[in-house]
N, C-alpha and C. Protein backbone atom coordinates (compact mmCIF):
# COMPACT_ATOMS: atom_id res chain seq x y z
N MET A 1 -37.22 -15.14 36.49
CA MET A 1 -37.19 -13.48 35.72
C MET A 1 -36.03 -13.95 34.57
N LEU A 2 -35.79 -13.23 33.61
CA LEU A 2 -35.19 -13.69 32.50
C LEU A 2 -34.33 -12.86 32.22
N ILE A 3 -32.91 -13.17 32.54
CA ILE A 3 -31.54 -12.41 32.22
C ILE A 3 -30.75 -12.33 30.94
N GLU A 4 -31.03 -10.95 30.43
CA GLU A 4 -30.21 -11.54 28.70
C GLU A 4 -28.90 -11.32 29.07
N ILE A 5 -27.95 -12.25 28.33
CA ILE A 5 -26.40 -12.03 28.00
C ILE A 5 -26.63 -11.50 26.51
N PRO A 6 -26.12 -10.51 26.59
CA PRO A 6 -26.55 -9.40 24.68
C PRO A 6 -25.43 -10.50 23.84
N ALA A 7 -25.95 -10.39 22.90
CA ALA A 7 -24.83 -10.79 21.85
C ALA A 7 -23.51 -9.98 21.96
N ARG A 8 -22.78 -10.90 21.46
CA ARG A 8 -21.25 -10.78 21.56
C ARG A 8 -20.63 -10.05 22.75
N ARG A 9 -21.41 -9.87 23.88
CA ARG A 9 -21.23 -9.50 25.47
C ARG A 9 -21.12 -10.79 26.52
N GLY A 10 -20.73 -10.25 27.74
CA GLY A 10 -20.49 -11.03 28.94
C GLY A 10 -21.82 -10.98 29.56
N LYS A 11 -22.01 -11.50 31.04
CA LYS A 11 -22.97 -11.41 32.35
C LYS A 11 -22.53 -11.89 33.46
N ALA A 12 -22.53 -11.39 34.47
CA ALA A 12 -22.29 -12.35 35.93
C ALA A 12 -23.17 -12.26 36.78
N HIS A 13 -23.53 -13.38 37.88
CA HIS A 13 -24.42 -13.19 38.75
C HIS A 13 -23.71 -14.16 39.70
N ARG A 14 -24.41 -13.90 40.84
CA ARG A 14 -23.91 -14.57 41.98
C ARG A 14 -25.05 -15.51 42.21
N LEU A 15 -24.64 -16.65 42.42
CA LEU A 15 -25.07 -17.92 42.61
C LEU A 15 -25.33 -18.40 44.46
N ARG A 16 -26.37 -18.77 44.53
CA ARG A 16 -26.21 -19.63 46.34
C ARG A 16 -26.14 -20.75 46.37
N GLN A 17 -25.46 -21.62 47.11
CA GLN A 17 -25.52 -22.72 47.44
C GLN A 17 -26.41 -23.50 47.07
N GLY A 18 -26.83 -24.43 46.42
CA GLY A 18 -28.44 -24.92 46.29
C GLY A 18 -29.15 -24.71 45.12
N GLN A 19 -28.94 -22.83 44.70
CA GLN A 19 -29.87 -22.41 43.51
C GLN A 19 -29.26 -23.46 42.34
N THR A 20 -30.47 -23.10 41.53
CA THR A 20 -29.95 -23.39 39.87
C THR A 20 -29.85 -22.61 39.13
N VAL A 21 -29.17 -22.44 37.72
CA VAL A 21 -29.44 -21.55 36.91
C VAL A 21 -29.60 -22.07 35.74
N ARG A 22 -30.24 -21.39 34.83
CA ARG A 22 -30.86 -22.48 33.78
C ARG A 22 -30.31 -21.51 32.80
N VAL A 23 -29.95 -22.14 31.63
CA VAL A 23 -29.10 -20.92 30.62
C VAL A 23 -29.52 -21.49 29.45
N ILE A 24 -30.31 -20.46 28.83
CA ILE A 24 -30.98 -20.72 27.80
C ILE A 24 -30.34 -20.56 26.43
N ASN A 25 -30.08 -21.04 24.96
CA ASN A 25 -29.92 -20.83 24.07
C ASN A 25 -31.45 -19.97 22.85
N THR A 26 -31.46 -19.14 23.44
CA THR A 26 -32.56 -18.81 22.74
C THR A 26 -33.02 -18.86 21.54
N THR A 27 -32.03 -18.56 20.80
CA THR A 27 -32.05 -18.91 19.05
C THR A 27 -32.01 -20.33 18.28
N GLY A 28 -30.91 -21.01 19.49
CA GLY A 28 -30.38 -22.03 19.22
C GLY A 28 -29.00 -22.48 18.67
N GLN A 29 -28.24 -21.54 17.96
CA GLN A 29 -27.10 -21.37 17.63
C GLN A 29 -25.48 -20.78 18.43
N GLN A 30 -26.40 -20.02 19.32
CA GLN A 30 -25.05 -19.55 20.59
C GLN A 30 -24.73 -20.04 21.41
N VAL A 31 -23.59 -20.20 20.58
CA VAL A 31 -22.36 -20.58 22.39
C VAL A 31 -22.45 -19.56 23.62
N VAL A 32 -22.39 -20.19 24.71
CA VAL A 32 -22.21 -19.30 25.94
C VAL A 32 -21.09 -20.09 26.69
N ASP A 33 -19.83 -19.35 26.18
CA ASP A 33 -18.95 -19.62 27.27
C ASP A 33 -19.32 -19.45 28.75
N THR A 34 -18.84 -20.35 30.13
CA THR A 34 -19.43 -20.56 31.09
C THR A 34 -18.18 -20.84 31.95
N TRP A 35 -18.29 -19.72 32.96
CA TRP A 35 -17.82 -19.88 34.09
C TRP A 35 -18.12 -19.69 35.64
N ALA A 36 -17.39 -20.48 36.50
CA ALA A 36 -17.44 -20.45 37.64
C ALA A 36 -16.48 -19.95 38.95
N PHE A 37 -16.82 -19.39 39.56
CA PHE A 37 -15.95 -18.96 40.78
C PHE A 37 -16.24 -18.90 41.83
N ARG A 38 -15.66 -19.45 43.03
CA ARG A 38 -16.01 -19.84 44.60
C ARG A 38 -15.97 -18.34 44.78
N ALA A 39 -17.37 -17.95 45.37
CA ALA A 39 -17.35 -16.76 45.77
C ALA A 39 -16.83 -16.26 46.78
N GLU A 40 -16.49 -16.74 48.07
CA GLU A 40 -15.48 -16.19 49.31
C GLU A 40 -13.59 -16.44 49.03
N ASP A 41 -13.33 -16.95 47.28
CA ASP A 41 -12.26 -16.99 46.85
C ASP A 41 -12.00 -17.19 45.22
N ILE A 42 -11.83 -15.79 44.60
CA ILE A 42 -12.39 -16.35 43.24
C ILE A 42 -10.67 -16.91 41.95
N ALA A 43 -10.21 -16.85 43.43
CA ALA A 43 -8.52 -17.78 43.03
C ALA A 43 -9.04 -19.30 42.83
N GLU A 44 -10.65 -19.96 43.75
CA GLU A 44 -10.37 -20.72 43.02
C GLU A 44 -11.91 -20.84 42.27
N PHE A 45 -11.35 -21.62 41.42
CA PHE A 45 -12.75 -21.35 39.92
C PHE A 45 -12.85 -23.12 39.08
N MET A 46 -13.90 -23.20 38.47
CA MET A 46 -14.35 -24.05 37.85
C MET A 46 -13.39 -24.78 36.63
N SER A 47 -12.83 -25.36 36.83
CA SER A 47 -11.46 -26.30 36.20
C SER A 47 -11.83 -27.30 34.89
N MET A 48 -11.71 -27.06 33.78
CA MET A 48 -11.99 -27.89 32.95
C MET A 48 -10.78 -29.19 33.00
N GLU A 49 -9.98 -29.07 32.89
CA GLU A 49 -8.99 -29.92 33.28
C GLU A 49 -9.02 -31.21 34.17
N HIS A 50 -9.32 -30.16 35.44
CA HIS A 50 -9.54 -30.88 36.62
C HIS A 50 -11.14 -32.10 36.45
N SER A 51 -12.23 -31.01 35.88
CA SER A 51 -13.62 -31.58 35.57
C SER A 51 -13.21 -33.01 34.66
N ARG A 52 -12.91 -32.65 34.10
CA ARG A 52 -12.62 -34.05 32.91
C ARG A 52 -12.19 -35.46 33.93
N VAL A 53 -10.78 -35.04 34.73
CA VAL A 53 -10.90 -36.21 35.33
C VAL A 53 -11.37 -36.48 36.37
N ALA A 54 -12.62 -35.71 36.88
CA ALA A 54 -13.89 -35.91 37.88
C ALA A 54 -14.89 -36.77 37.41
N ILE A 55 -15.15 -36.40 36.11
CA ILE A 55 -15.98 -37.01 34.91
C ILE A 55 -15.99 -38.33 34.89
N GLY A 56 -14.48 -38.21 34.08
CA GLY A 56 -14.28 -39.73 33.20
C GLY A 56 -14.76 -39.05 31.87
N HIS A 57 -14.95 -37.95 31.48
CA HIS A 57 -15.08 -38.04 30.13
C HIS A 57 -15.17 -36.56 29.88
N ILE A 58 -14.92 -35.99 28.26
CA ILE A 58 -15.18 -34.49 28.23
C ILE A 58 -16.32 -34.17 27.73
N ILE A 59 -17.31 -34.63 27.58
CA ILE A 59 -18.78 -33.71 27.92
C ILE A 59 -19.16 -34.16 28.58
N PRO A 60 -19.62 -32.70 29.90
CA PRO A 60 -20.24 -33.21 30.71
C PRO A 60 -22.01 -33.75 30.49
N GLY A 61 -22.56 -34.68 31.19
CA GLY A 61 -24.11 -34.65 31.24
C GLY A 61 -25.16 -35.10 32.02
N ILE A 62 -26.20 -35.23 32.16
CA ILE A 62 -26.69 -35.01 33.42
C ILE A 62 -26.41 -35.76 34.26
N GLY A 63 -26.17 -35.05 36.12
CA GLY A 63 -25.73 -35.73 36.66
C GLY A 63 -24.29 -35.31 37.25
N ASP A 64 -23.14 -35.62 36.25
CA ASP A 64 -21.89 -35.06 36.19
C ASP A 64 -21.77 -33.58 37.22
N THR A 65 -20.86 -33.99 38.09
CA THR A 65 -20.49 -32.37 39.06
C THR A 65 -19.62 -31.86 38.26
N LEU A 66 -18.95 -30.50 38.04
CA LEU A 66 -17.79 -30.19 38.16
C LEU A 66 -17.21 -30.06 38.82
N VAL A 67 -15.96 -29.41 39.07
CA VAL A 67 -14.85 -29.00 39.97
C VAL A 67 -13.97 -28.23 39.85
N THR A 68 -13.18 -27.62 40.70
CA THR A 68 -12.11 -26.59 40.73
C THR A 68 -11.21 -26.83 40.60
N ASN A 69 -10.08 -25.59 40.71
CA ASN A 69 -9.34 -26.38 40.02
C ASN A 69 -8.29 -26.26 41.53
N ARG A 70 -9.23 -26.88 42.63
CA ARG A 70 -8.82 -27.67 43.91
C ARG A 70 -9.53 -28.53 44.21
N ARG A 71 -10.54 -28.92 43.28
CA ARG A 71 -11.16 -30.32 43.06
C ARG A 71 -12.22 -30.70 43.78
N ARG A 72 -13.08 -29.60 44.08
CA ARG A 72 -14.25 -29.40 45.20
C ARG A 72 -15.32 -29.19 44.20
N PRO A 73 -16.13 -29.85 44.40
CA PRO A 73 -17.27 -29.89 43.68
C PRO A 73 -18.35 -28.27 43.53
N ILE A 74 -18.72 -27.31 41.77
CA ILE A 74 -19.18 -26.29 42.34
C ILE A 74 -20.09 -26.05 41.42
N LEU A 75 -20.04 -27.19 40.14
CA LEU A 75 -21.45 -26.81 39.69
C LEU A 75 -21.87 -28.60 38.84
N THR A 76 -23.14 -28.68 39.23
CA THR A 76 -23.89 -30.12 38.82
C THR A 76 -24.80 -29.83 37.71
N LEU A 77 -24.46 -30.21 36.50
CA LEU A 77 -25.64 -30.42 35.50
C LEU A 77 -26.92 -31.03 35.84
N THR A 78 -28.06 -30.74 36.03
CA THR A 78 -29.13 -31.00 36.58
C THR A 78 -30.26 -31.61 35.51
N ALA A 79 -30.45 -30.94 34.07
CA ALA A 79 -31.44 -30.83 32.96
C ALA A 79 -30.56 -30.56 31.68
N ASP A 80 -30.47 -31.16 30.79
CA ASP A 80 -30.03 -30.43 29.60
C ASP A 80 -31.34 -30.77 27.96
N THR A 81 -31.44 -29.72 27.78
CA THR A 81 -32.12 -30.19 26.43
C THR A 81 -32.11 -29.92 25.52
N SER A 82 -30.89 -29.51 25.06
CA SER A 82 -30.44 -28.88 23.90
C SER A 82 -29.30 -30.09 22.97
N GLY A 83 -29.31 -31.29 23.65
CA GLY A 83 -29.01 -32.47 22.54
C GLY A 83 -27.43 -33.06 23.13
N GLY A 84 -26.83 -32.38 24.45
CA GLY A 84 -26.07 -32.87 25.02
C GLY A 84 -24.58 -32.30 24.88
N ILE A 85 -24.61 -31.96 23.79
CA ILE A 85 -23.15 -31.66 22.81
C ILE A 85 -22.31 -30.17 23.79
N HIS A 86 -21.35 -30.28 23.92
CA HIS A 86 -20.52 -28.70 24.97
C HIS A 86 -19.17 -29.32 24.81
N ASP A 87 -18.59 -28.05 25.15
CA ASP A 87 -17.25 -28.50 24.72
C ASP A 87 -16.28 -28.11 25.91
N THR A 88 -15.32 -28.79 26.80
CA THR A 88 -14.40 -28.17 27.42
C THR A 88 -13.20 -28.35 27.19
N LEU A 89 -12.80 -28.41 25.66
CA LEU A 89 -11.41 -28.48 25.15
C LEU A 89 -10.90 -27.38 24.92
N PHE A 90 -11.73 -26.26 24.41
CA PHE A 90 -11.36 -25.19 23.58
C PHE A 90 -11.13 -24.02 24.67
N ALA A 91 -10.16 -23.24 24.69
CA ALA A 91 -10.23 -21.66 25.37
C ALA A 91 -10.86 -21.15 25.26
N ALA A 92 -11.29 -20.15 26.08
CA ALA A 92 -11.67 -18.74 25.09
C ALA A 92 -11.34 -17.92 24.19
N CYS A 93 -11.97 -17.50 23.51
CA CYS A 93 -11.34 -16.48 21.97
C CYS A 93 -10.88 -15.04 22.91
N ASP A 94 -9.83 -14.98 22.29
CA ASP A 94 -9.27 -13.64 22.28
C ASP A 94 -8.82 -13.03 21.56
N ARG A 95 -8.19 -11.65 21.82
CA ARG A 95 -7.93 -10.56 21.00
C ARG A 95 -6.84 -11.44 19.72
N TRP A 96 -5.98 -12.75 20.36
CA TRP A 96 -4.74 -13.24 19.19
C TRP A 96 -5.46 -14.17 18.32
N ARG A 97 -6.62 -14.84 19.07
CA ARG A 97 -7.10 -15.91 18.55
C ARG A 97 -7.87 -15.22 17.09
N TYR A 98 -8.63 -14.06 17.27
CA TYR A 98 -9.16 -13.30 16.10
C TYR A 98 -8.45 -12.91 15.20
N GLU A 99 -7.01 -12.61 15.50
CA GLU A 99 -5.41 -11.81 14.85
C GLU A 99 -5.20 -12.88 13.92
N LEU A 100 -5.32 -14.20 14.57
CA LEU A 100 -4.52 -15.22 13.39
C LEU A 100 -5.92 -15.91 12.60
N LEU A 101 -7.04 -15.16 13.05
CA LEU A 101 -7.91 -15.67 11.97
C LEU A 101 -8.28 -14.47 11.00
N GLY A 102 -7.64 -13.20 10.80
CA GLY A 102 -7.21 -12.25 10.14
C GLY A 102 -8.18 -11.55 10.09
N ALA A 103 -8.71 -11.08 11.48
CA ALA A 103 -9.51 -10.16 11.88
C ALA A 103 -8.46 -9.21 12.17
N ARG A 104 -8.92 -7.45 11.61
CA ARG A 104 -8.02 -6.45 11.76
C ARG A 104 -8.96 -5.44 12.86
N GLY A 105 -7.87 -5.02 13.77
CA GLY A 105 -8.70 -4.02 14.51
C GLY A 105 -9.00 -4.50 15.84
N TYR A 106 -9.55 -4.12 16.69
CA TYR A 106 -10.46 -4.89 17.60
C TYR A 106 -11.38 -5.55 17.29
N HIS A 107 -11.38 -6.91 18.02
CA HIS A 107 -13.04 -7.64 17.95
C HIS A 107 -13.22 -8.60 19.18
N ASP A 108 -14.96 -8.12 19.03
CA ASP A 108 -15.23 -8.70 20.56
C ASP A 108 -14.62 -10.14 21.06
N ASN A 109 -14.62 -10.46 22.19
CA ASN A 109 -14.02 -11.80 22.56
C ASN A 109 -14.26 -11.82 23.80
N CYS A 110 -14.40 -13.29 24.09
CA CYS A 110 -14.90 -13.83 25.31
C CYS A 110 -14.27 -13.84 26.94
N THR A 111 -12.81 -13.15 26.45
CA THR A 111 -11.70 -13.08 27.52
C THR A 111 -12.22 -11.61 27.59
N ASP A 112 -12.68 -10.91 26.95
CA ASP A 112 -12.57 -9.64 28.16
C ASP A 112 -14.09 -9.75 28.23
N ASN A 113 -14.78 -10.27 27.29
CA ASN A 113 -16.42 -10.14 27.88
C ASN A 113 -16.25 -10.68 29.13
N LEU A 114 -15.38 -11.98 29.53
CA LEU A 114 -15.45 -12.51 31.24
C LEU A 114 -14.86 -11.26 32.11
N ALA A 115 -14.07 -10.86 31.63
CA ALA A 115 -13.25 -8.88 32.52
C ALA A 115 -14.63 -8.57 32.72
N ALA A 116 -15.51 -8.21 31.48
CA ALA A 116 -16.15 -6.56 31.72
C ALA A 116 -17.53 -7.22 32.47
N ALA A 117 -17.89 -8.60 32.82
CA ALA A 117 -18.91 -9.08 33.65
C ALA A 117 -18.16 -9.18 34.67
N LEU A 118 -17.46 -9.63 35.06
CA LEU A 118 -16.65 -9.29 36.40
C LEU A 118 -16.46 -8.00 36.92
N ALA A 119 -16.03 -7.65 36.40
CA ALA A 119 -15.94 -5.93 36.29
C ALA A 119 -17.04 -5.10 37.33
N GLU A 120 -18.39 -5.34 36.53
CA GLU A 120 -19.91 -4.98 37.03
C GLU A 120 -19.93 -5.38 38.47
N LEU A 121 -19.42 -6.37 38.91
CA LEU A 121 -19.50 -7.15 40.17
C LEU A 121 -18.62 -6.43 41.04
N GLY A 122 -17.51 -5.37 40.51
CA GLY A 122 -16.31 -5.12 41.68
C GLY A 122 -15.42 -6.45 41.61
N LEU A 123 -15.22 -7.22 40.53
CA LEU A 123 -14.28 -8.17 40.82
C LEU A 123 -13.38 -8.22 39.48
N ALA A 124 -12.11 -9.16 39.39
CA ALA A 124 -11.25 -8.92 38.40
C ALA A 124 -10.63 -10.09 38.05
N PRO A 125 -10.83 -11.23 37.27
CA PRO A 125 -10.78 -12.82 37.66
C PRO A 125 -9.10 -13.02 37.51
N PRO A 126 -9.06 -13.50 38.30
CA PRO A 126 -7.18 -13.99 38.65
C PRO A 126 -6.32 -14.64 37.84
N GLU A 127 -7.44 -14.92 36.68
CA GLU A 127 -6.90 -16.03 35.67
C GLU A 127 -7.78 -16.12 34.82
N ILE A 128 -7.32 -16.36 33.54
CA ILE A 128 -8.65 -16.83 32.36
C ILE A 128 -9.03 -18.38 32.47
N PRO A 129 -9.38 -18.93 32.79
CA PRO A 129 -9.82 -20.49 32.79
C PRO A 129 -10.36 -20.59 31.50
N ALA A 130 -10.18 -21.65 31.07
CA ALA A 130 -10.96 -22.49 30.18
C ALA A 130 -12.10 -22.49 30.49
N PRO A 131 -13.50 -22.14 29.37
CA PRO A 131 -15.21 -22.13 30.08
C PRO A 131 -15.05 -23.69 29.93
N LEU A 132 -16.69 -23.48 30.57
CA LEU A 132 -17.36 -24.51 29.99
C LEU A 132 -17.97 -24.12 28.54
N ASN A 133 -17.58 -24.62 27.38
CA ASN A 133 -18.57 -23.68 26.06
C ASN A 133 -19.85 -24.41 25.78
N LEU A 134 -21.04 -24.37 26.58
CA LEU A 134 -22.61 -24.72 26.26
C LEU A 134 -22.75 -24.23 25.00
N PHE A 135 -23.44 -25.47 24.55
CA PHE A 135 -23.48 -25.84 23.32
C PHE A 135 -22.30 -25.59 21.87
N MET A 136 -21.38 -25.44 22.19
CA MET A 136 -20.31 -25.74 21.63
C MET A 136 -20.47 -26.94 20.79
N ASN A 137 -19.85 -26.99 19.18
CA ASN A 137 -20.21 -28.73 19.00
C ASN A 137 -18.52 -29.08 18.65
N ILE A 138 -17.32 -29.31 18.73
CA ILE A 138 -16.08 -29.46 19.11
C ILE A 138 -16.13 -31.09 19.08
N PRO A 139 -16.47 -32.02 18.07
CA PRO A 139 -16.17 -33.45 18.16
C PRO A 139 -14.80 -33.99 18.11
N VAL A 140 -13.94 -35.06 18.48
CA VAL A 140 -13.10 -35.29 18.43
C VAL A 140 -13.01 -36.77 17.30
N ILE A 141 -12.28 -36.27 16.11
CA ILE A 141 -12.25 -37.38 15.33
C ILE A 141 -11.22 -38.43 15.40
N ASP A 142 -11.05 -39.76 14.96
CA ASP A 142 -10.36 -40.37 14.82
C ASP A 142 -9.65 -40.19 16.18
N GLY A 143 -10.19 -39.81 17.26
CA GLY A 143 -9.91 -40.11 18.31
C GLY A 143 -8.55 -38.77 19.13
N ASN A 144 -8.15 -38.04 18.06
CA ASN A 144 -6.80 -37.26 17.91
C ASN A 144 -7.36 -35.61 17.98
N ARG A 145 -7.94 -35.97 16.07
CA ARG A 145 -8.18 -34.45 16.30
C ARG A 145 -9.22 -33.50 16.04
N VAL A 146 -9.73 -32.68 16.31
CA VAL A 146 -10.66 -31.43 16.53
C VAL A 146 -11.34 -30.80 15.56
N GLU A 147 -12.48 -31.06 15.47
CA GLU A 147 -12.84 -29.89 14.33
C GLU A 147 -13.92 -28.92 15.02
N ILE A 148 -14.63 -27.35 14.08
CA ILE A 148 -15.47 -26.90 15.01
C ILE A 148 -16.46 -27.27 13.83
N ARG A 149 -17.94 -27.47 14.57
CA ARG A 149 -19.33 -27.45 13.75
C ARG A 149 -19.87 -27.02 14.40
N PRO A 150 -20.97 -26.36 13.39
CA PRO A 150 -22.31 -25.32 14.26
C PRO A 150 -23.09 -26.04 15.42
N PRO A 151 -23.58 -25.70 16.13
CA PRO A 151 -24.40 -26.31 17.52
C PRO A 151 -25.22 -27.01 16.58
N VAL A 152 -25.50 -28.37 17.88
CA VAL A 152 -27.01 -29.28 17.33
C VAL A 152 -28.20 -28.90 18.21
N SER A 153 -27.72 -27.73 19.06
CA SER A 153 -29.06 -27.32 20.29
C SER A 153 -30.00 -26.32 19.17
N MET A 154 -31.74 -26.04 19.72
CA MET A 154 -32.65 -25.75 19.09
C MET A 154 -32.92 -25.11 19.71
N PRO A 155 -33.29 -23.74 18.99
CA PRO A 155 -34.36 -22.32 19.63
C PRO A 155 -34.69 -23.11 20.80
N GLY A 156 -34.21 -22.43 22.24
CA GLY A 156 -35.36 -22.22 23.75
C GLY A 156 -34.65 -23.08 24.17
N SER A 157 -33.71 -24.27 24.04
CA SER A 157 -32.87 -25.69 24.38
C SER A 157 -32.17 -24.73 25.51
N TYR A 158 -31.95 -25.45 26.38
CA TYR A 158 -31.36 -24.73 27.80
C TYR A 158 -30.22 -26.28 29.05
N VAL A 159 -29.69 -25.94 29.61
CA VAL A 159 -29.16 -26.53 30.68
C VAL A 159 -29.21 -26.16 31.84
N SER A 160 -29.04 -26.80 32.71
CA SER A 160 -29.54 -26.11 34.15
C SER A 160 -28.10 -26.88 35.05
N LEU A 161 -27.87 -25.73 35.64
CA LEU A 161 -26.31 -26.30 35.96
C LEU A 161 -27.01 -25.44 37.98
N ARG A 162 -26.53 -26.54 39.14
CA ARG A 162 -26.81 -25.98 40.68
C ARG A 162 -25.73 -26.41 41.13
N ALA A 163 -26.00 -24.87 41.79
CA ALA A 163 -24.45 -24.75 42.43
C ALA A 163 -23.88 -25.09 43.66
N GLU A 164 -23.21 -26.28 43.73
CA GLU A 164 -22.58 -26.60 44.76
C GLU A 164 -21.94 -26.03 46.01
N ALA A 165 -21.90 -24.79 45.51
CA ALA A 165 -20.90 -23.99 46.62
C ALA A 165 -21.91 -22.35 46.13
N ASP A 166 -21.37 -21.31 47.24
CA ASP A 166 -21.67 -20.07 47.01
C ASP A 166 -20.90 -19.93 46.11
N CYS A 167 -21.44 -18.77 44.78
CA CYS A 167 -20.27 -18.89 43.84
C CYS A 167 -20.76 -17.96 42.66
N ILE A 168 -19.50 -17.50 41.80
CA ILE A 168 -20.17 -16.06 40.70
C ILE A 168 -20.09 -16.56 39.94
N LEU A 169 -21.40 -16.74 38.79
CA LEU A 169 -20.98 -17.10 37.36
C LEU A 169 -20.90 -15.99 36.51
N ALA A 170 -20.25 -16.56 35.50
CA ALA A 170 -19.78 -15.56 34.07
C ALA A 170 -20.31 -16.15 32.92
N PHE A 171 -20.84 -15.58 32.35
CA PHE A 171 -21.39 -16.12 30.73
C PHE A 171 -20.55 -14.73 30.08
N SER A 172 -20.64 -15.47 28.72
CA SER A 172 -20.26 -14.87 27.15
C SER A 172 -20.68 -15.69 25.89
N ALA A 173 -21.63 -14.45 25.46
CA ALA A 173 -22.69 -15.26 24.15
C ALA A 173 -21.42 -14.32 23.13
N CYS A 174 -20.96 -15.86 22.97
CA CYS A 174 -19.36 -15.93 22.27
C CYS A 174 -19.26 -15.16 20.76
N PRO A 175 -18.78 -14.06 20.14
CA PRO A 175 -18.94 -13.16 19.25
C PRO A 175 -18.19 -14.11 18.37
N GLN A 176 -17.91 -15.42 18.12
CA GLN A 176 -17.64 -15.32 16.92
C GLN A 176 -18.20 -15.90 15.76
N ASP A 177 -17.25 -15.29 15.09
CA ASP A 177 -17.99 -14.29 13.61
C ASP A 177 -17.60 -15.14 12.38
N ILE A 178 -16.36 -15.67 12.59
CA ILE A 178 -15.10 -15.92 11.28
C ILE A 178 -15.44 -17.78 11.26
N VAL A 179 -15.60 -18.57 12.51
CA VAL A 179 -15.63 -19.78 12.37
C VAL A 179 -17.20 -20.34 12.21
N PRO A 180 -17.51 -21.54 12.17
CA PRO A 180 -19.38 -21.64 12.53
C PRO A 180 -19.62 -22.00 13.38
N VAL A 181 -18.62 -21.35 14.84
CA VAL A 181 -18.52 -22.09 15.95
C VAL A 181 -20.60 -21.71 16.85
N ASN A 182 -20.88 -20.58 16.01
CA ASN A 182 -22.57 -20.04 16.29
C ASN A 182 -23.05 -20.02 15.17
N GLY A 183 -22.99 -21.06 14.35
CA GLY A 183 -23.71 -21.91 13.34
C GLY A 183 -22.95 -21.37 11.83
N LEU A 184 -24.06 -21.91 10.61
CA LEU A 184 -23.33 -21.67 9.68
C LEU A 184 -23.20 -20.14 9.08
N ALA A 185 -24.57 -19.25 9.35
CA ALA A 185 -24.75 -18.05 9.15
C ALA A 185 -23.81 -16.83 9.44
N LEU A 186 -22.86 -17.56 10.98
CA LEU A 186 -21.70 -16.93 11.05
C LEU A 186 -22.13 -15.12 11.90
N ARG A 187 -23.22 -15.78 12.76
CA ARG A 187 -24.38 -14.36 13.33
C ARG A 187 -24.28 -14.43 14.57
N PRO A 188 -23.42 -14.09 15.53
CA PRO A 188 -23.47 -14.09 17.32
C PRO A 188 -24.90 -13.67 17.16
N THR A 189 -26.11 -14.38 18.15
CA THR A 189 -27.05 -13.69 19.07
C THR A 189 -27.02 -13.35 20.39
N GLU A 190 -28.07 -13.01 21.15
CA GLU A 190 -28.14 -13.36 22.62
C GLU A 190 -28.64 -14.80 22.90
N ALA A 191 -28.48 -14.44 24.15
CA ALA A 191 -28.50 -16.02 25.00
C ALA A 191 -29.62 -14.88 26.61
N HIS A 192 -29.65 -15.90 27.20
CA HIS A 192 -30.59 -15.81 28.41
C HIS A 192 -30.14 -16.88 29.35
N PHE A 193 -30.29 -16.32 30.67
CA PHE A 193 -30.63 -17.07 32.07
C PHE A 193 -31.53 -17.04 33.10
N GLU A 194 -31.83 -17.45 34.10
CA GLU A 194 -32.78 -17.58 35.07
C GLU A 194 -32.18 -18.73 36.20
N VAL A 195 -32.56 -17.80 37.36
CA VAL A 195 -31.72 -18.39 38.30
C VAL A 195 -33.43 -19.15 39.07
N LEU A 196 -33.56 -20.33 39.19
CA LEU A 196 -34.68 -21.25 39.90
C LEU A 196 -33.84 -21.94 41.34
N ASP A 197 -34.56 -21.41 42.40
CA ASP A 197 -34.69 -21.28 43.69
C ASP A 197 -34.89 -22.90 44.04
């Protein structure tokens, strides 16, 4: 069953060890911020800084296992039809990011989307970990400088992630509409996921 991650919003879902979630880039240009928390203790969560050490590179590929802030396996990337370009460097967008970009008043953001998605399950994030930014294209130029470029993923492409522990996944269809994180049209859209047993 396909579950929608509405445009500019978040969604959370429980995943049992051994289950796989397929995250689908429905329109091809939508970044999906992705978090995973251990079900028995959400103070333990998927950590990008620990995962980069564990996998030895900054973009996870098929077969790579992402780890928690306690260096235990939590998700393994098992399939990727999106072109293999994702980001582990950027923090989730938040109200301050949009203020710096010139937004006036409230702007939807991934940080608030995470909190709202977990609240639907009766939970609150212990902190805001850096997400795995699926489909986000942030190349490192000359070994030191980063750029924001449109995603390379195509409509309907997907990433599959297998749970290495019982966990709570949270997703945000990133609402960025000021820089081309979600494509040159600057128009956030919905994405979808499905759980495969």
